[in-house]
């Protein structure tokens, strides 16, 4: 049997791991969008292909660029 504190600490570790996985997936998605823009010629073309707005594509790419610039 585990204590409430042990269960809490394990849940925090799981949340941290899930958050890290989310951040990595978000960066992977943005890199894929950048590659798509290279292949298709523009962010607008990528957005049309995916059925989303160009703003969605642009925000994802800008967030990646911003995170890459941070020390």
Protein backbone atom coordinates (compact mmCIF):
# COMPACT_ATOMS: atom_id res chain seq x y z
CA UNK A 1 0.00 0.00 0.00
CA UNK A 2 1.26 3.45 -0.86
CA UNK A 3 0.72 6.64 1.04
CA UNK A 4 -1.17 9.61 -0.30
CA UNK A 5 2.13 11.49 -0.61
CA UNK A 6 3.73 8.72 -2.68
CA UNK A 7 0.67 8.64 -4.95
CA UNK A 8 0.79 12.43 -5.26
CA UNK A 9 4.50 12.43 -6.11
CA UNK A 10 3.98 9.72 -8.73
CA UNK A 11 1.12 11.69 -10.27
CA UNK A 12 3.35 14.77 -10.45
CA UNK A 13 6.06 12.71 -12.21
CA UNK A 14 3.46 11.43 -14.67
CA UNK A 15 2.20 14.97 -15.33
CA UNK A 16 5.75 16.19 -15.93
CA UNK A 17 6.40 13.34 -18.38
CA UNK A 18 3.11 14.01 -20.18
CA UNK A 19 3.89 17.73 -20.43
CA UNK A 20 7.34 17.01 -21.85
CA UNK A 21 5.83 14.61 -24.41
CA UNK A 22 3.29 17.29 -25.36
CA UNK A 23 6.04 19.89 -25.87
CA UNK A 24 8.07 17.50 -28.02
CA UNK A 25 5.03 16.59 -30.13
CA UNK A 26 4.20 20.28 -30.57
CA UNK A 27 7.73 20.98 -31.82
CA UNK A 28 7.61 17.95 -34.14
CA UNK A 29 4.31 19.21 -35.58
CA UNK A 30 5.74 22.67 -36.20
CA UNK A 31 8.80 21.20 -37.92
CA UNK A 32 6.49 19.13 -40.13
CA UNK A 33 4.54 22.27 -41.00
CA UNK A 34 7.78 24.04 -41.92
CA UNK A 35 8.72 21.11 -44.15
CA UNK A 36 5.26 21.25 -45.71
CA UNK A 37 5.68 24.94 -46.45
CA UNK A 38 8.96 24.16 -48.21
CA UNK A 39 7.40 21.37 -50.26
CA UNK A 40 4.15 23.17 -51.10
CA UNK A 41 5.63 26.64 -51.37
CA UNK A 42 3.74 28.50 -48.65
CA UNK A 43 2.08 28.29 -45.28
CA UNK A 44 -1.23 29.03 -46.99
CA UNK A 45 -0.84 25.94 -49.18
CA UNK A 46 -0.12 23.83 -46.10
CA UNK A 47 -3.21 25.22 -44.40
CA UNK A 48 -5.38 24.45 -47.43
CA UNK A 49 -3.98 20.91 -47.59
CA UNK A 50 -4.75 20.32 -43.91
CA UNK A 51 -8.08 22.14 -43.90
CA UNK A 52 -7.04 24.66 -41.25
CA UNK A 53 -6.50 28.40 -41.29
CA UNK A 54 -3.15 29.85 -42.24
CA UNK A 55 -3.08 31.50 -38.81
CA UNK A 56 -2.99 28.05 -37.16
CA UNK A 57 0.03 27.07 -39.25
CA UNK A 58 1.74 30.41 -38.69
CA UNK A 59 1.23 30.34 -34.89
CA UNK A 60 2.70 26.84 -34.63
CA UNK A 61 5.76 27.82 -36.66
CA UNK A 62 6.25 31.10 -34.77
CA UNK A 63 6.07 29.28 -31.43
CA UNK A 64 8.77 26.85 -32.59
CA UNK A 65 10.98 29.68 -33.78
CA UNK A 66 10.50 31.55 -30.50
CA UNK A 67 11.41 28.45 -28.45
CA UNK A 68 14.50 27.82 -30.55
CA UNK A 69 15.76 31.35 -29.87
CA UNK A 70 15.52 31.04 -26.10
CA UNK A 71 18.80 30.16 -24.33
